[in-house]
Amino acid sequence: RIIDAVTAGHGAGRVDRLALAVLVCAVA
């Protein structure tokens, strides 16, 4: 989803939220 967001030109905020979700998944 991060790759698609970057490809689609979404802002950094969406990428940061997705990255935070990745971190939560890794910790869990």
mmCIF file of all heavy atoms, coordinates in Angstrom:
data_MODEL
# 
_entry.id   MODEL 
# 
loop_
_atom_site.group_PDB 
_atom_site.id 
_atom_site.type_symbol 
_atom_site.label_atom_id 
_atom_site.label_alt_id 
_atom_site.label_comp_id 
_atom_site.label_asym_id 
_atom_site.label_entity_id 
_atom_site.label_seq_id 
_atom_site.pdbx_PDB_ins_code 
_atom_site.Cartn_x 
_atom_site.Cartn_y 
_atom_site.Cartn_z 
_atom_site.occupancy 
_atom_site.B_iso_or_equiv 
_atom_site.pdbx_formal_charge 
_atom_site.auth_seq_id 
_atom_site.auth_comp_id 
_atom_site.auth_asym_id 
_atom_site.auth_atom_id 
_atom_site.pdbx_PDB_model_num 
ATOM 1   N N   . ARG A 1 1  ? 0.826  -1.204 0.000  1.00 0.00 ? 1  ARG A N   1 
ATOM 2   C CA  . ARG A 1 1  ? 0.000  0.000  0.000  1.00 0.00 ? 1  ARG A CA  1 
ATOM 3   C C   . ARG A 1 1  ? 0.865  1.260  0.000  1.00 0.00 ? 1  ARG A C   1 
ATOM 4   O O   . ARG A 1 1  ? 0.492  2.288  -0.583 1.00 0.00 ? 1  ARG A O   1 
ATOM 5   C CB  . ARG A 1 1  ? -0.909 0.001  1.233  1.00 0.00 ? 1  ARG A CB  1 
ATOM 6   C CG  . ARG A 1 1  ? -1.850 -1.179 1.346  1.00 0.00 ? 1  ARG A CG  1 
ATOM 7   C CD  . ARG A 1 1  ? -2.965 -1.195 0.295  1.00 0.00 ? 1  ARG A CD  1 
ATOM 8   N NE  . ARG A 1 1  ? -2.558 -1.491 -1.062 1.00 0.00 ? 1  ARG A NE  1 
ATOM 9   C CZ  . ARG A 1 1  ? -2.239 -2.689 -1.522 1.00 0.00 ? 1  ARG A CZ  1 
ATOM 10  N NH1 . ARG A 1 1  ? -2.237 -3.734 -0.704 1.00 0.00 ? 1  ARG A NH1 1 
ATOM 11  N NH2 . ARG A 1 1  ? -1.905 -2.870 -2.787 1.00 0.00 ? 1  ARG A NH2 1 
ATOM 12  N N   . ILE A 1 2  ? 2.018  1.213  0.681  1.00 0.00 ? 2  ILE A N   1 
ATOM 13  C CA  . ILE A 1 2  ? 2.936  2.359  0.673  1.00 0.00 ? 2  ILE A CA  1 
ATOM 14  C C   . ILE A 1 2  ? 3.431  2.626  -0.742 1.00 0.00 ? 2  ILE A C   1 
ATOM 15  O O   . ILE A 1 2  ? 3.480  3.775  -1.216 1.00 0.00 ? 2  ILE A O   1 
ATOM 16  C CB  . ILE A 1 2  ? 4.118  2.115  1.640  1.00 0.00 ? 2  ILE A CB  1 
ATOM 17  C CG1 . ILE A 1 2  ? 3.637  2.180  3.097  1.00 0.00 ? 2  ILE A CG1 1 
ATOM 18  C CG2 . ILE A 1 2  ? 5.229  3.136  1.408  1.00 0.00 ? 2  ILE A CG2 1 
ATOM 19  C CD1 . ILE A 1 2  ? 4.682  1.811  4.119  1.00 0.00 ? 2  ILE A CD1 1 
ATOM 20  N N   . ILE A 1 3  ? 3.803  1.545  -1.468 1.00 0.00 ? 3  ILE A N   1 
ATOM 21  C CA  . ILE A 1 3  ? 4.272  1.698  -2.851 1.00 0.00 ? 3  ILE A CA  1 
ATOM 22  C C   . ILE A 1 3  ? 3.175  2.322  -3.715 1.00 0.00 ? 3  ILE A C   1 
ATOM 23  O O   . ILE A 1 3  ? 3.409  3.242  -4.517 1.00 0.00 ? 3  ILE A O   1 
ATOM 24  C CB  . ILE A 1 3  ? 4.718  0.344  -3.414 1.00 0.00 ? 3  ILE A CB  1 
ATOM 25  C CG1 . ILE A 1 3  ? 5.983  -0.134 -2.690 1.00 0.00 ? 3  ILE A CG1 1 
ATOM 26  C CG2 . ILE A 1 3  ? 4.958  0.427  -4.915 1.00 0.00 ? 3  ILE A CG2 1 
ATOM 27  C CD1 . ILE A 1 3  ? 6.393  -1.549 -3.040 1.00 0.00 ? 3  ILE A CD1 1 
ATOM 28  N N   . ASP A 1 4  ? 1.937  1.819  -3.549 1.00 0.00 ? 4  ASP A N   1 
ATOM 29  C CA  . ASP A 1 4  ? 0.825  2.369  -4.326 1.00 0.00 ? 4  ASP A CA  1 
ATOM 30  C C   . ASP A 1 4  ? 0.565  3.824  -3.958 1.00 0.00 ? 4  ASP A C   1 
ATOM 31  O O   . ASP A 1 4  ? 0.233  4.663  -4.837 1.00 0.00 ? 4  ASP A O   1 
ATOM 32  C CB  . ASP A 1 4  ? -0.442 1.533  -4.092 1.00 0.00 ? 4  ASP A CB  1 
ATOM 33  C CG  . ASP A 1 4  ? -0.375 0.179  -4.786 1.00 0.00 ? 4  ASP A CG  1 
ATOM 34  O OD1 . ASP A 1 4  ? 0.464  0.022  -5.704 1.00 0.00 ? 4  ASP A OD1 1 
ATOM 35  O OD2 . ASP A 1 4  ? -1.140 -0.724 -4.408 1.00 0.00 ? 4  ASP A OD2 1 
ATOM 36  N N   . ALA A 1 5  ? 0.719  4.151  -2.659 1.00 0.00 ? 5  ALA A N   1 
ATOM 37  C CA  . ALA A 1 5  ? 0.486  5.535  -2.229 1.00 0.00 ? 5  ALA A CA  1 
ATOM 38  C C   . ALA A 1 5  ? 1.521  6.473  -2.821 1.00 0.00 ? 5  ALA A C   1 
ATOM 39  O O   . ALA A 1 5  ? 1.196  7.591  -3.274 1.00 0.00 ? 5  ALA A O   1 
ATOM 40  C CB  . ALA A 1 5  ? 0.512  5.618  -0.699 1.00 0.00 ? 5  ALA A CB  1 
ATOM 41  N N   . VAL A 1 6  ? 2.781  6.028  -2.810 1.00 0.00 ? 6  VAL A N   1 
ATOM 42  C CA  . VAL A 1 6  ? 3.836  6.858  -3.396 1.00 0.00 ? 6  VAL A CA  1 
ATOM 43  C C   . VAL A 1 6  ? 3.624  6.994  -4.898 1.00 0.00 ? 6  VAL A C   1 
ATOM 44  O O   . VAL A 1 6  ? 3.758  8.081  -5.482 1.00 0.00 ? 6  VAL A O   1 
ATOM 45  C CB  . VAL A 1 6  ? 5.217  6.261  -3.079 1.00 0.00 ? 6  VAL A CB  1 
ATOM 46  C CG1 . VAL A 1 6  ? 6.306  7.008  -3.849 1.00 0.00 ? 6  VAL A CG1 1 
ATOM 47  C CG2 . VAL A 1 6  ? 5.493  6.314  -1.574 1.00 0.00 ? 6  VAL A CG2 1 
ATOM 48  N N   . THR A 1 7  ? 3.275  5.901  -5.563 1.00 0.00 ? 7  THR A N   1 
ATOM 49  C CA  . THR A 1 7  ? 3.036  5.933  -7.016 1.00 0.00 ? 7  THR A CA  1 
ATOM 50  C C   . THR A 1 7  ? 1.875  6.857  -7.362 1.00 0.00 ? 7  THR A C   1 
ATOM 51  O O   . THR A 1 7  ? 1.911  7.592  -8.364 1.00 0.00 ? 7  THR A O   1 
ATOM 52  C CB  . THR A 1 7  ? 2.734  4.518  -7.529 1.00 0.00 ? 7  THR A CB  1 
ATOM 53  O OG1 . THR A 1 7  ? 3.814  3.652  -7.174 1.00 0.00 ? 7  THR A OG1 1 
ATOM 54  C CG2 . THR A 1 7  ? 2.563  4.518  -9.044 1.00 0.00 ? 7  THR A CG2 1 
ATOM 55  N N   . ALA A 1 8  ? 0.858  6.866  -6.505 1.00 0.00 ? 8  ALA A N   1 
ATOM 56  C CA  . ALA A 1 8  ? -0.321 7.695  -6.760 1.00 0.00 ? 8  ALA A CA  1 
ATOM 57  C C   . ALA A 1 8  ? -0.112 9.144  -6.340 1.00 0.00 ? 8  ALA A C   1 
ATOM 58  O O   . ALA A 1 8  ? -0.992 9.994  -6.564 1.00 0.00 ? 8  ALA A O   1 
ATOM 59  C CB  . ALA A 1 8  ? -1.535 7.120  -6.054 1.00 0.00 ? 8  ALA A CB  1 
ATOM 60  N N   . GLY A 1 9  ? 0.997  9.464  -5.691 1.00 0.00 ? 9  GLY A N   1 
ATOM 61  C CA  . GLY A 1 9  ? 1.315  10.844 -5.316 1.00 0.00 ? 9  GLY A CA  1 
ATOM 62  C C   . GLY A 1 9  ? 0.679  11.297 -4.026 1.00 0.00 ? 9  GLY A C   1 
ATOM 63  O O   . GLY A 1 9  ? 0.539  12.505 -3.800 1.00 0.00 ? 9  GLY A O   1 
ATOM 64  N N   . HIS A 1 10 ? 0.313  10.367 -3.138 1.00 0.00 ? 10 HIS A N   1 
ATOM 65  C CA  . HIS A 1 10 ? -0.258 10.769 -1.851 1.00 0.00 ? 10 HIS A CA  1 
ATOM 66  C C   . HIS A 1 10 ? 0.804  11.431 -0.986 1.00 0.00 ? 10 HIS A C   1 
ATOM 67  O O   . HIS A 1 10 ? 2.009  11.225 -1.168 1.00 0.00 ? 10 HIS A O   1 
ATOM 68  C CB  . HIS A 1 10 ? -0.850 9.566  -1.116 1.00 0.00 ? 10 HIS A CB  1 
ATOM 69  C CG  . HIS A 1 10 ? -2.066 8.992  -1.793 1.00 0.00 ? 10 HIS A CG  1 
ATOM 70  N ND1 . HIS A 1 10 ? -3.274 9.655  -1.845 1.00 0.00 ? 10 HIS A ND1 1 
ATOM 71  C CD2 . HIS A 1 10 ? -2.260 7.817  -2.443 1.00 0.00 ? 10 HIS A CD2 1 
ATOM 72  C CE1 . HIS A 1 10 ? -4.161 8.916  -2.501 1.00 0.00 ? 10 HIS A CE1 1 
ATOM 73  N NE2 . HIS A 1 10 ? -3.553 7.793  -2.883 1.00 0.00 ? 10 HIS A NE2 1 
ATOM 74  N N   . GLY A 1 11 ? 0.359  12.177 -0.009 1.00 0.00 ? 11 GLY A N   1 
ATOM 75  C CA  . GLY A 1 11 ? 1.274  12.922 0.832  1.00 0.00 ? 11 GLY A CA  1 
ATOM 76  C C   . GLY A 1 11 ? 2.013  12.059 1.830  1.00 0.00 ? 11 GLY A C   1 
ATOM 77  O O   . GLY A 1 11 ? 1.736  10.876 2.006  1.00 0.00 ? 11 GLY A O   1 
ATOM 78  N N   . ALA A 1 12 ? 2.962  12.726 2.537  1.00 0.00 ? 12 ALA A N   1 
ATOM 79  C CA  . ALA A 1 12 ? 3.802  12.020 3.496  1.00 0.00 ? 12 ALA A CA  1 
ATOM 80  C C   . ALA A 1 12 ? 2.992  11.503 4.686  1.00 0.00 ? 12 ALA A C   1 
ATOM 81  O O   . ALA A 1 12 ? 3.348  10.501 5.318  1.00 0.00 ? 12 ALA A O   1 
ATOM 82  C CB  . ALA A 1 12 ? 4.922  12.925 3.991  1.00 0.00 ? 12 ALA A CB  1 
ATOM 83  N N   . GLY A 1 13 ? 1.892  12.192 5.009  1.00 0.00 ? 13 GLY A N   1 
ATOM 84  C CA  . GLY A 1 13 ? 1.093  11.781 6.160  1.00 0.00 ? 13 GLY A CA  1 
ATOM 85  C C   . GLY A 1 13 ? 0.546  10.368 6.000  1.00 0.00 ? 13 GLY A C   1 
ATOM 86  O O   . GLY A 1 13 ? 0.568  9.571  6.931  1.00 0.00 ? 13 GLY A O   1 
ATOM 87  N N   . ARG A 1 14 ? 0.043  10.044 4.808  1.00 0.00 ? 14 ARG A N   1 
ATOM 88  C CA  . ARG A 1 14 ? -0.492 8.697  4.580  1.00 0.00 ? 14 ARG A CA  1 
ATOM 89  C C   . ARG A 1 14 ? 0.625  7.652  4.672  1.00 0.00 ? 14 ARG A C   1 
ATOM 90  O O   . ARG A 1 14 ? 0.432  6.577  5.254  1.00 0.00 ? 14 ARG A O   1 
ATOM 91  C CB  . ARG A 1 14 ? -1.169 8.634  3.203  1.00 0.00 ? 14 ARG A CB  1 
ATOM 92  C CG  . ARG A 1 14 ? -1.757 7.265  2.882  1.00 0.00 ? 14 ARG A CG  1 
ATOM 93  C CD  . ARG A 1 14 ? -2.523 7.300  1.554  1.00 0.00 ? 14 ARG A CD  1 
ATOM 94  N NE  . ARG A 1 14 ? -2.982 5.968  1.175  1.00 0.00 ? 14 ARG A NE  1 
ATOM 95  C CZ  . ARG A 1 14 ? -4.037 5.348  1.677  1.00 0.00 ? 14 ARG A CZ  1 
ATOM 96  N NH1 . ARG A 1 14 ? -4.772 5.956  2.617  1.00 0.00 ? 14 ARG A NH1 1 
ATOM 97  N NH2 . ARG A 1 14 ? -4.387 4.136  1.271  1.00 0.00 ? 14 ARG A NH2 1 
ATOM 98  N N   . VAL A 1 15 ? 1.780  8.000  4.102  1.00 0.00 ? 15 VAL A N   1 
ATOM 99  C CA  . VAL A 1 15 ? 2.914  7.070  4.153  1.00 0.00 ? 15 VAL A CA  1 
ATOM 100 C C   . VAL A 1 15 ? 3.356  6.846  5.594  1.00 0.00 ? 15 VAL A C   1 
ATOM 101 O O   . VAL A 1 15 ? 3.655  5.716  6.007  1.00 0.00 ? 15 VAL A O   1 
ATOM 102 C CB  . VAL A 1 15 ? 4.083  7.596  3.305  1.00 0.00 ? 15 VAL A CB  1 
ATOM 103 C CG1 . VAL A 1 15 ? 5.329  6.721  3.493  1.00 0.00 ? 15 VAL A CG1 1 
ATOM 104 C CG2 . VAL A 1 15 ? 3.701  7.655  1.838  1.00 0.00 ? 15 VAL A CG2 1 
ATOM 105 N N   . ASP A 1 16 ? 3.351  7.932  6.404  1.00 0.00 ? 16 ASP A N   1 
ATOM 106 C CA  . ASP A 1 16 ? 3.761  7.794  7.805  1.00 0.00 ? 16 ASP A CA  1 
ATOM 107 C C   . ASP A 1 16 ? 2.789  6.909  8.577  1.00 0.00 ? 16 ASP A C   1 
ATOM 108 O O   . ASP A 1 16 ? 3.202  6.091  9.406  1.00 0.00 ? 16 ASP A O   1 
ATOM 109 C CB  . ASP A 1 16 ? 3.831  9.170  8.461  1.00 0.00 ? 16 ASP A CB  1 
ATOM 110 C CG  . ASP A 1 16 ? 5.020  9.986  7.958  1.00 0.00 ? 16 ASP A CG  1 
ATOM 111 O OD1 . ASP A 1 16 ? 5.931  9.367  7.373  1.00 0.00 ? 16 ASP A OD1 1 
ATOM 112 O OD2 . ASP A 1 16 ? 5.018  11.208 8.155  1.00 0.00 ? 16 ASP A OD2 1 
ATOM 113 N N   . ARG A 1 17 ? 1.501  7.064  8.323  1.00 0.00 ? 17 ARG A N   1 
ATOM 114 C CA  . ARG A 1 17 ? 0.515  6.238  9.019  1.00 0.00 ? 17 ARG A CA  1 
ATOM 115 C C   . ARG A 1 17 ? 0.670  4.750  8.649  1.00 0.00 ? 17 ARG A C   1 
ATOM 116 O O   . ARG A 1 17 ? 0.577  3.866  9.504  1.00 0.00 ? 17 ARG A O   1 
ATOM 117 C CB  . ARG A 1 17 ? -0.894 6.729  8.694  1.00 0.00 ? 17 ARG A CB  1 
ATOM 118 C CG  . ARG A 1 17 ? -1.253 8.057  9.361  1.00 0.00 ? 17 ARG A CG  1 
ATOM 119 C CD  . ARG A 1 17 ? -2.741 8.329  9.256  1.00 0.00 ? 17 ARG A CD  1 
ATOM 120 N NE  . ARG A 1 17 ? -3.178 8.472  7.876  1.00 0.00 ? 17 ARG A NE  1 
ATOM 121 C CZ  . ARG A 1 17 ? -3.136 9.613  7.189  1.00 0.00 ? 17 ARG A CZ  1 
ATOM 122 N NH1 . ARG A 1 17 ? -2.659 10.728 7.765  1.00 0.00 ? 17 ARG A NH1 1 
ATOM 123 N NH2 . ARG A 1 17 ? -3.572 9.676  5.942  1.00 0.00 ? 17 ARG A NH2 1 
ATOM 124 N N   . LEU A 1 18 ? 0.903  4.527  7.360  1.00 0.00 ? 18 LEU A N   1 
ATOM 125 C CA  . LEU A 1 18 ? 1.114  3.135  6.920  1.00 0.00 ? 18 LEU A CA  1 
ATOM 126 C C   . LEU A 1 18 ? 2.393  2.559  7.524  1.00 0.00 ? 18 LEU A C   1 
ATOM 127 O O   . LEU A 1 18 ? 2.443  1.388  7.930  1.00 0.00 ? 18 LEU A O   1 
ATOM 128 C CB  . LEU A 1 18 ? 1.164  3.061  5.393  1.00 0.00 ? 18 LEU A CB  1 
ATOM 129 C CG  . LEU A 1 18 ? -0.163 3.312  4.669  1.00 0.00 ? 18 LEU A CG  1 
ATOM 130 C CD1 . LEU A 1 18 ? 0.067  3.453  3.165  1.00 0.00 ? 18 LEU A CD1 1 
ATOM 131 C CD2 . LEU A 1 18 ? -1.138 2.166  4.955  1.00 0.00 ? 18 LEU A CD2 1 
ATOM 132 N N   . ALA A 1 19 ? 3.442  3.388  7.601  1.00 0.00 ? 19 ALA A N   1 
ATOM 133 C CA  . ALA A 1 19 ? 4.708  2.937  8.199  1.00 0.00 ? 19 ALA A CA  1 
ATOM 134 C C   . ALA A 1 19 ? 4.529  2.623  9.678  1.00 0.00 ? 19 ALA A C   1 
ATOM 135 O O   . ALA A 1 19 ? 5.082  1.642  10.200 1.00 0.00 ? 19 ALA A O   1 
ATOM 136 C CB  . ALA A 1 19 ? 5.786  3.998  8.010  1.00 0.00 ? 19 ALA A CB  1 
ATOM 137 N N   . LEU A 1 20 ? 3.730  3.457  10.388 1.00 0.00 ? 20 LEU A N   1 
ATOM 138 C CA  . LEU A 1 20 ? 3.457  3.188  11.795 1.00 0.00 ? 20 LEU A CA  1 
ATOM 139 C C   . LEU A 1 20 ? 2.705  1.867  11.950 1.00 0.00 ? 20 LEU A C   1 
ATOM 140 O O   . LEU A 1 20 ? 2.981  1.093  12.872 1.00 0.00 ? 20 LEU A O   1 
ATOM 141 C CB  . LEU A 1 20 ? 2.644  4.341  12.387 1.00 0.00 ? 20 LEU A CB  1 
ATOM 142 C CG  . LEU A 1 20 ? 2.271  4.203  13.877 1.00 0.00 ? 20 LEU A CG  1 
ATOM 143 C CD1 . LEU A 1 20 ? 3.534  4.138  14.733 1.00 0.00 ? 20 LEU A CD1 1 
ATOM 144 C CD2 . LEU A 1 20 ? 1.374  5.373  14.314 1.00 0.00 ? 20 LEU A CD2 1 
ATOM 145 N N   . ALA A 1 21 ? 1.770  1.579  11.033 1.00 0.00 ? 21 ALA A N   1 
ATOM 146 C CA  . ALA A 1 21 ? 1.040  0.311  11.076 1.00 0.00 ? 21 ALA A CA  1 
ATOM 147 C C   . ALA A 1 21 ? 1.973  -0.875 10.871 1.00 0.00 ? 21 ALA A C   1 
ATOM 148 O O   . ALA A 1 21 ? 1.812  -1.936 11.486 1.00 0.00 ? 21 ALA A O   1 
ATOM 149 C CB  . ALA A 1 21 ? -0.063 0.321  10.027 1.00 0.00 ? 21 ALA A CB  1 
ATOM 150 N N   . VAL A 1 22 ? 2.983  -0.691 9.971  1.00 0.00 ? 22 VAL A N   1 
ATOM 151 C CA  . VAL A 1 22 ? 3.988  -1.746 9.762  1.00 0.00 ? 22 VAL A CA  1 
ATOM 152 C C   . VAL A 1 22 ? 4.740  -2.026 11.058 1.00 0.00 ? 22 VAL A C   1 
ATOM 153 O O   . VAL A 1 22 ? 4.978  -3.177 11.442 1.00 0.00 ? 22 VAL A O   1 
ATOM 154 C CB  . VAL A 1 22 ? 4.970  -1.357 8.638  1.00 0.00 ? 22 VAL A CB  1 
ATOM 155 C CG1 . VAL A 1 22 ? 6.131  -2.350 8.571  1.00 0.00 ? 22 VAL A CG1 1 
ATOM 156 C CG2 . VAL A 1 22 ? 4.270  -1.303 7.295  1.00 0.00 ? 22 VAL A CG2 1 
ATOM 157 N N   . LEU A 1 23 ? 5.104  -0.941 11.785 1.00 0.00 ? 23 LEU A N   1 
ATOM 158 C CA  . LEU A 1 23 ? 5.820  -1.090 13.053 1.00 0.00 ? 23 LEU A CA  1 
ATOM 159 C C   . LEU A 1 23 ? 4.958  -1.822 14.087 1.00 0.00 ? 23 LEU A C   1 
ATOM 160 O O   . LEU A 1 23 ? 5.444  -2.707 14.797 1.00 0.00 ? 23 LEU A O   1 
ATOM 161 C CB  . LEU A 1 23 ? 6.229  0.285  13.577 1.00 0.00 ? 23 LEU A CB  1 
ATOM 162 C CG  . LEU A 1 23 ? 6.955  0.302  14.939 1.00 0.00 ? 23 LEU A CG  1 
ATOM 163 C CD1 . LEU A 1 23 ? 8.275  -0.469 14.842 1.00 0.00 ? 23 LEU A CD1 1 
ATOM 164 C CD2 . LEU A 1 23 ? 7.200  1.751  15.390 1.00 0.00 ? 23 LEU A CD2 1 
ATOM 165 N N   . VAL A 1 24 ? 3.672  -1.457 14.163 1.00 0.00 ? 24 VAL A N   1 
ATOM 166 C CA  . VAL A 1 24 ? 2.774  -2.121 15.108 1.00 0.00 ? 24 VAL A CA  1 
ATOM 167 C C   . VAL A 1 24 ? 2.679  -3.619 14.809 1.00 0.00 ? 24 VAL A C   1 
ATOM 168 O O   . VAL A 1 24 ? 2.718  -4.455 15.712 1.00 0.00 ? 24 VAL A O   1 
ATOM 169 C CB  . VAL A 1 24 ? 1.372  -1.467 15.062 1.00 0.00 ? 24 VAL A CB  1 
ATOM 170 C CG1 . VAL A 1 24 ? 0.361  -2.304 15.860 1.00 0.00 ? 24 VAL A CG1 1 
ATOM 171 C CG2 . VAL A 1 24 ? 1.440  -0.042 15.610 1.00 0.00 ? 24 VAL A CG2 1 
ATOM 172 N N   . CYS A 1 25 ? 2.565  -3.943 13.502 1.00 0.00 ? 25 CYS A N   1 
ATOM 173 C CA  . CYS A 1 25 ? 2.507  -5.360 13.115 1.00 0.00 ? 25 CYS A CA  1 
ATOM 174 C C   . CYS A 1 25 ? 3.773  -6.104 13.515 1.00 0.00 ? 25 CYS A C   1 
ATOM 175 O O   . CYS A 1 25 ? 3.719  -7.247 13.998 1.00 0.00 ? 25 CYS A O   1 
ATOM 176 C CB  . CYS A 1 25 ? 2.280  -5.481 11.605 1.00 0.00 ? 25 CYS A CB  1 
ATOM 177 S SG  . CYS A 1 25 ? 0.615  -5.032 11.080 1.00 0.00 ? 25 CYS A SG  1 
ATOM 178 N N   . ALA A 1 26 ? 4.935  -5.448 13.317 1.00 0.00 ? 26 ALA A N   1 
ATOM 179 C CA  . ALA A 1 26 ? 6.210  -6.094 13.654 1.00 0.00 ? 26 ALA A CA  1 
ATOM 180 C C   . ALA A 1 26 ? 6.321  -6.349 15.153 1.00 0.00 ? 26 ALA A C   1 
ATOM 181 O O   . ALA A 1 26 ? 6.751  -7.420 15.595 1.00 0.00 ? 26 ALA A O   1 
ATOM 182 C CB  . ALA A 1 26 ? 7.374  -5.240 13.172 1.00 0.00 ? 26 ALA A CB  1 
ATOM 183 N N   . VAL A 1 27 ? 5.916  -5.331 15.972 1.00 0.00 ? 27 VAL A N   1 
ATOM 184 C CA  . VAL A 1 27 ? 5.981  -5.487 17.426 1.00 0.00 ? 27 VAL A CA  1 
ATOM 185 C C   . VAL A 1 27 ? 5.028  -6.591 17.887 1.00 0.00 ? 27 VAL A C   1 
ATOM 186 O O   . VAL A 1 27 ? 5.370  -7.438 18.724 1.00 0.00 ? 27 VAL A O   1 
ATOM 187 C CB  . VAL A 1 27 ? 5.647  -4.150 18.124 1.00 0.00 ? 27 VAL A CB  1 
ATOM 188 C CG1 . VAL A 1 27 ? 5.506  -4.359 19.636 1.00 0.00 ? 27 VAL A CG1 1 
ATOM 189 C CG2 . VAL A 1 27 ? 6.734  -3.117 17.843 1.00 0.00 ? 27 VAL A CG2 1 
ATOM 190 N N   . ALA A 1 28 ? 3.792  -6.585 17.322 1.00 0.00 ? 28 ALA A N   1 
ATOM 191 C CA  . ALA A 1 28 ? 2.814  -7.604 17.701 1.00 0.00 ? 28 ALA A CA  1 
ATOM 192 C C   . ALA A 1 28 ? 3.318  -8.999 17.340 1.00 0.00 ? 28 ALA A C   1 
ATOM 193 O O   . ALA A 1 28 ? 3.184  -9.950 18.126 1.00 0.00 ? 28 ALA A O   1 
ATOM 194 C CB  . ALA A 1 28 ? 1.477  -7.326 17.013 1.00 0.00 ? 28 ALA A CB  1 
# 
